[in-house]
């Protein structure tokens, strides 16, 4: 993906109409197809797409302070803390789905001796994963309990420390 500055520079050089698309591509180190796409106006605005995705994923609080219907804190709605708590509850479900995909057999035809060895290793790995999962679920439950108990300002401070 191109830097927004490079795209701006290509647009500026195209507007000056002094260099060919080939010369612009050579000068800036991009393909002629990229310059042609920008010249024709067919290149998507990736920066705008990224911004809109961020806006959809993270709510922007605005307006007067009100009581959040979910946590009861006085905040500008929508409550960012409740949004983060909701996203945290998705993590175990996603991990479980990934584990299920990894547990499926490969579905390849092996010679009997190799098939036996494959099944032994697979069974051993599943046992190890089951033990690891028990420990992880205990940690996940403890983390979720601490998230639920946090006040909105503590949660936001913890998130700021993670970044």
C-alpha atoms as a PDB file:
ATOM      1  CA  UNK A   1       0.000   0.000   0.000  1.00  0.00           C
ATOM      2  CA  UNK A   2       1.295   3.442  -0.885  1.00  0.00           C
ATOM      3  CA  UNK A   3       1.944   6.217   1.573  1.00  0.00           C
ATOM      4  CA  UNK A   4      -0.654   8.982   1.389  1.00  0.00           C
ATOM      5  CA  UNK A   5       2.245  11.378   0.661  1.00  0.00           C
ATOM      6  CA  UNK A   6       3.255   9.359  -2.404  1.00  0.00           C
ATOM      7  CA  UNK A   7      -0.317   9.373  -3.687  1.00  0.00           C
ATOM      8  CA  UNK A   8      -0.479  13.145  -3.154  1.00  0.00           C
ATOM      9  CA  UNK A   9       2.818  13.578  -5.004  1.00  0.00           C
ATOM     10  CA  UNK A  10       1.559  11.472  -7.930  1.00  0.00           C
ATOM     11  CA  UNK A  11      -1.642  13.516  -8.092  1.00  0.00           C
ATOM     12  CA  UNK A  12       0.393  16.758  -8.012  1.00  0.00           C
ATOM     13  CA  UNK A  13       2.699  15.618 -10.834  1.00  0.00           C
ATOM     14  CA  UNK A  14      -0.287  14.454 -12.890  1.00  0.00           C
ATOM     15  CA  UNK A  15      -1.960  17.844 -12.388  1.00  0.00           C
ATOM     16  CA  UNK A  16       1.190  19.677 -13.556  1.00  0.00           C
ATOM     17  CA  UNK A  17       0.914  17.700 -16.819  1.00  0.00           C
ATOM     18  CA  UNK A  18       4.650  18.009 -17.549  1.00  0.00           C
ATOM     19  CA  UNK A  19       5.708  14.366 -17.107  1.00  0.00           C
ATOM     20  CA  UNK A  20       4.317  11.203 -18.633  1.00  0.00           C
ATOM     21  CA  UNK A  21       2.831   8.519 -16.409  1.00  0.00           C
ATOM     22  CA  UNK A  22       5.854   6.356 -17.152  1.00  0.00           C
ATOM     23  CA  UNK A  23       8.251   9.131 -16.038  1.00  0.00           C
ATOM     24  CA  UNK A  24       6.242   9.741 -12.859  1.00  0.00           C
ATOM     25  CA  UNK A  25       6.300   6.004 -12.070  1.00  0.00           C
ATOM     26  CA  UNK A  26      10.049   5.820 -12.642  1.00  0.00           C
ATOM     27  CA  UNK A  27      10.724   8.979 -10.588  1.00  0.00           C
ATOM     28  CA  UNK A  28       8.683   7.818  -7.557  1.00  0.00           C
ATOM     29  CA  UNK A  29       9.493   4.129  -7.779  1.00  0.00           C
ATOM     30  CA  UNK A  30       5.943   2.858  -8.295  1.00  0.00           C
ATOM     31  CA  UNK A  31       4.403   0.848 -11.107  1.00  0.00           C
ATOM     32  CA  UNK A  32       2.931   2.499 -14.198  1.00  0.00           C
ATOM     33  CA  UNK A  33      -0.330   0.717 -13.438  1.00  0.00           C
ATOM     34  CA  UNK A  34      -0.493   2.458 -10.044  1.00  0.00           C
ATOM     35  CA  UNK A  35       0.019   5.875 -11.651  1.00  0.00           C
ATOM     36  CA  UNK A  36      -2.603   5.033 -14.289  1.00  0.00           C
ATOM     37  CA  UNK A  37      -5.106   3.938 -11.648  1.00  0.00           C
ATOM     38  CA  UNK A  38      -4.616   7.172  -9.710  1.00  0.00           C
ATOM     39  CA  UNK A  39      -4.881   9.217 -12.927  1.00  0.00           C
ATOM     40  CA  UNK A  40      -8.168   7.498 -13.831  1.00  0.00           C
ATOM     41  CA  UNK A  41      -9.531   8.037 -10.312  1.00  0.00           C
ATOM     42  CA  UNK A  42     -10.070   4.310  -9.732  1.00  0.00           C
ATOM     43  CA  UNK A  43      -7.785   3.960  -6.690  1.00  0.00           C
ATOM     44  CA  UNK A  44      -9.712   3.457  -3.421  1.00  0.00           C
ATOM     45  CA  UNK A  45      -9.034   5.918  -0.627  1.00  0.00           C
ATOM     46  CA  UNK A  46      -7.404   3.482   1.811  1.00  0.00           C
ATOM     47  CA  UNK A  47      -6.855   6.161   4.452  1.00  0.00           C
ATOM     48  CA  UNK A  48     -10.575   7.017   4.524  1.00  0.00           C
ATOM     49  CA  UNK A  49     -11.427   3.313   4.703  1.00  0.00           C
ATOM     50  CA  UNK A  50      -9.090   2.879   7.698  1.00  0.00           C
ATOM     51  CA  UNK A  51     -10.587   5.886   9.473  1.00  0.00           C
ATOM     52  CA  UNK A  52     -14.163   4.681   8.941  1.00  0.00           C
ATOM     53  CA  UNK A  53     -13.242   1.200  10.215  1.00  0.00           C
ATOM     54  CA  UNK A  54     -11.765   2.747  13.361  1.00  0.00           C
ATOM     55  CA  UNK A  55     -14.865   4.868  13.875  1.00  0.00           C
ATOM     56  CA  UNK A  56     -17.099   1.802  13.554  1.00  0.00           C
ATOM     57  CA  UNK A  57     -14.990  -0.241  15.971  1.00  0.00           C
ATOM     58  CA  UNK A  58     -14.536   2.404  18.669  1.00  0.00           C
ATOM     59  CA  UNK A  59     -17.485   4.606  19.592  1.00  0.00           C
ATOM     60  CA  UNK A  60     -16.853   8.313  20.030  1.00  0.00           C
ATOM     61  CA  UNK A  61     -18.561   9.639  23.173  1.00  0.00           C
ATOM     62  CA  UNK A  62     -20.328  12.959  22.861  1.00  0.00           C
ATOM     63  CA  UNK A  63     -23.047  15.009  24.473  1.00  0.00           C
ATOM     64  CA  UNK A  64     -23.819  15.710  28.122  1.00  0.00           C
ATOM     65  CA  UNK A  65     -22.969  13.323  30.944  1.00  0.00           C
ATOM     66  CA  UNK A  66     -25.647  10.672  31.460  1.00  0.00           C
ATOM     67  CA  UNK A  67     -25.997   7.415  33.334  1.00  0.00           C
ATOM     68  CA  UNK A  68     -24.884   4.422  31.304  1.00  0.00           C
ATOM     69  CA  UNK A  69     -27.745   1.897  31.262  1.00  0.00           C
ATOM     70  CA  UNK A  70     -25.283  -1.019  31.468  1.00  0.00           C
ATOM     71  CA  UNK A  71     -22.729  -0.016  34.115  1.00  0.00           C
ATOM     72  CA  UNK A  72     -24.427   2.936  35.813  1.00  0.00           C
ATOM     73  CA  UNK A  73     -21.452   5.295  35.475  1.00  0.00           C
ATOM     74  CA  UNK A  74     -21.949   8.968  34.548  1.00  0.00           C
ATOM     75  CA  UNK A  75     -20.375   9.186  31.100  1.00  0.00           C
ATOM     76  CA  UNK A  76     -20.873  10.651  27.669  1.00  0.00           C
ATOM     77  CA  UNK A  77     -22.791   8.031  25.732  1.00  0.00           C
ATOM     78  CA  UNK A  78     -21.989   5.598  24.226  1.00  0.00           C
ATOM     79  CA  UNK A  79     -19.999   4.251  27.171  1.00  0.00           C
ATOM     80  CA  UNK A  80     -16.516   3.278  25.972  1.00  0.00           C
ATOM     81  CA  UNK A  81     -15.925   1.103  29.054  1.00  0.00           C
ATOM     82  CA  UNK A  82     -18.989  -1.040  28.279  1.00  0.00           C
ATOM     83  CA  UNK A  83     -17.881  -1.269  24.657  1.00  0.00           C
ATOM     84  CA  UNK A  84     -14.446  -2.550  25.735  1.00  0.00           C
ATOM     85  CA  UNK A  85     -15.996  -5.030  28.172  1.00  0.00           C
ATOM     86  CA  UNK A  86     -18.164  -6.348  25.341  1.00  0.00           C
ATOM     87  CA  UNK A  87     -15.130  -6.792  23.097  1.00  0.00           C
ATOM     88  CA  UNK A  88     -13.280  -8.609  25.903  1.00  0.00           C
ATOM     89  CA  UNK A  89     -16.089 -11.159  26.102  1.00  0.00           C
ATOM     90  CA  UNK A  90     -15.544 -12.025  22.399  1.00  0.00           C
ATOM     91  CA  UNK A  91     -11.968 -13.214  22.976  1.00  0.00           C
ATOM     92  CA  UNK A  92     -12.727 -16.604  24.597  1.00  0.00           C
ATOM     93  CA  UNK A  93     -15.271 -17.425  21.874  1.00  0.00           C
ATOM     94  CA  UNK A  94     -12.733 -16.635  19.131  1.00  0.00           C
ATOM     95  CA  UNK A  95     -10.054 -18.727  20.862  1.00  0.00           C
ATOM     96  CA  UNK A  96     -12.468 -21.633  21.149  1.00  0.00           C
ATOM     97  CA  UNK A  97     -13.274 -21.416  17.431  1.00  0.00           C
ATOM     98  CA  UNK A  98      -9.556 -21.403  16.542  1.00  0.00           C
ATOM     99  CA  UNK A  99      -8.939 -24.449  18.742  1.00  0.00           C
ATOM    100  CA  UNK A 100     -11.803 -26.308  17.062  1.00  0.00           C
ATOM    101  CA  UNK A 101     -10.261 -25.634  13.649  1.00  0.00           C
ATOM    102  CA  UNK A 102      -6.893 -26.925  14.837  1.00  0.00           C
ATOM    103  CA  UNK A 103      -8.476 -30.075  16.282  1.00  0.00           C
ATOM    104  CA  UNK A 104      -9.855 -31.241  12.937  1.00  0.00           C
ATOM    105  CA  UNK A 105      -7.812 -34.040  11.327  1.00  0.00           C
ATOM    106  CA  UNK A 106      -5.788 -33.302   8.215  1.00  0.00           C
ATOM    107  CA  UNK A 107      -7.780 -35.615   5.946  1.00  0.00           C
ATOM    108  CA  UNK A 108      -4.807 -37.072   4.070  1.00  0.00           C
ATOM    109  CA  UNK A 109      -4.226 -40.688   3.057  1.00  0.00           C
ATOM    110  CA  UNK A 110      -1.300 -42.126   5.015  1.00  0.00           C
ATOM    111  CA  UNK A 111       0.239 -45.570   5.145  1.00  0.00           C
ATOM    112  CA  UNK A 112      -1.026 -47.568   8.156  1.00  0.00           C
ATOM    113  CA  UNK A 113       2.177 -47.164  10.209  1.00  0.00           C
ATOM    114  CA  UNK A 114       2.276 -43.411   9.535  1.00  0.00           C
ATOM    115  CA  UNK A 115      -1.454 -43.089  10.249  1.00  0.00           C
ATOM    116  CA  UNK A 116      -0.929 -44.773  13.651  1.00  0.00           C
ATOM    117  CA  UNK A 117       1.955 -42.429  14.480  1.00  0.00           C
ATOM    118  CA  UNK A 118      -0.090 -39.408  13.361  1.00  0.00           C
ATOM    119  CA  UNK A 119      -3.006 -40.455  15.615  1.00  0.00           C
ATOM    120  CA  UNK A 120      -0.663 -40.975  18.593  1.00  0.00           C
ATOM    121  CA  UNK A 121       0.893 -37.540  18.209  1.00  0.00           C
ATOM    122  CA  UNK A 122      -2.507 -35.915  17.643  1.00  0.00           C
ATOM    123  CA  UNK A 123      -3.946 -37.547  20.796  1.00  0.00           C
ATOM    124  CA  UNK A 124      -0.926 -36.422  22.844  1.00  0.00           C
ATOM    125  CA  UNK A 125      -1.215 -32.847  21.557  1.00  0.00           C
ATOM    126  CA  UNK A 126      -4.948 -32.806  22.349  1.00  0.00           C
ATOM    127  CA  UNK A 127      -4.236 -33.926  25.929  1.00  0.00           C
ATOM    128  CA  UNK A 128      -1.596 -31.210  26.336  1.00  0.00           C
ATOM    129  CA  UNK A 129      -3.993 -28.625  24.894  1.00  0.00           C
ATOM    130  CA  UNK A 130      -6.769 -29.744  27.256  1.00  0.00           C
ATOM    131  CA  UNK A 131      -4.459 -29.234  30.247  1.00  0.00           C
ATOM    132  CA  UNK A 132      -3.358 -25.842  28.942  1.00  0.00           C
ATOM    133  CA  UNK A 133      -6.979 -24.845  28.275  1.00  0.00           C
ATOM    134  CA  UNK A 134      -8.003 -25.619  31.860  1.00  0.00           C
ATOM    135  CA  UNK A 135      -5.306 -23.253  33.146  1.00  0.00           C
ATOM    136  CA  UNK A 136      -6.135 -20.586  30.555  1.00  0.00           C
ATOM    137  CA  UNK A 137      -9.862 -20.637  31.291  1.00  0.00           C
ATOM    138  CA  UNK A 138      -9.121 -20.074  34.974  1.00  0.00           C
ATOM    139  CA  UNK A 139      -6.939 -17.085  34.044  1.00  0.00           C
ATOM    140  CA  UNK A 140      -9.559 -15.791  31.570  1.00  0.00           C
ATOM    141  CA  UNK A 141     -12.302 -15.987  34.196  1.00  0.00           C
ATOM    142  CA  UNK A 142     -10.127 -14.100  36.677  1.00  0.00           C
ATOM    143  CA  UNK A 143      -9.316 -11.436  34.054  1.00  0.00           C
ATOM    144  CA  UNK A 144     -12.994 -11.087  33.088  1.00  0.00           C
ATOM    145  CA  UNK A 145     -14.005 -10.717  36.757  1.00  0.00           C
ATOM    146  CA  UNK A 146     -11.431  -7.970  37.227  1.00  0.00           C
ATOM    147  CA  UNK A 147     -12.718  -6.202  34.077  1.00  0.00           C
ATOM    148  CA  UNK A 148     -16.303  -6.313  35.315  1.00  0.00           C
ATOM    149  CA  UNK A 149     -15.313  -4.920  38.696  1.00  0.00           C
ATOM    150  CA  UNK A 150     -13.359  -1.990  37.259  1.00  0.00           C
ATOM    151  CA  UNK A 151     -14.860   1.447  37.195  1.00  0.00           C
ATOM    152  CA  UNK A 152     -14.940   3.124  33.754  1.00  0.00           C
ATOM    153  CA  UNK A 153     -12.043   5.484  34.491  1.00  0.00           C
ATOM    154  CA  UNK A 154      -9.892   2.597  35.811  1.00  0.00           C
ATOM    155  CA  UNK A 155     -10.666   0.557  32.703  1.00  0.00           C
ATOM    156  CA  UNK A 156      -9.682   3.420  30.395  1.00  0.00           C
ATOM    157  CA  UNK A 157      -6.462   3.958  32.370  1.00  0.00           C
ATOM    158  CA  UNK A 158      -5.617   0.246  32.080  1.00  0.00           C
ATOM    159  CA  UNK A 159      -6.235   0.366  28.327  1.00  0.00           C
ATOM    160  CA  UNK A 160      -3.994   3.422  27.994  1.00  0.00           C
ATOM    161  CA  UNK A 161      -1.195   1.522  29.779  1.00  0.00           C
ATOM    162  CA  UNK A 162      -1.497  -1.387  27.319  1.00  0.00           C
ATOM    163  CA  UNK A 163      -0.839   0.882  24.330  1.00  0.00           C
END
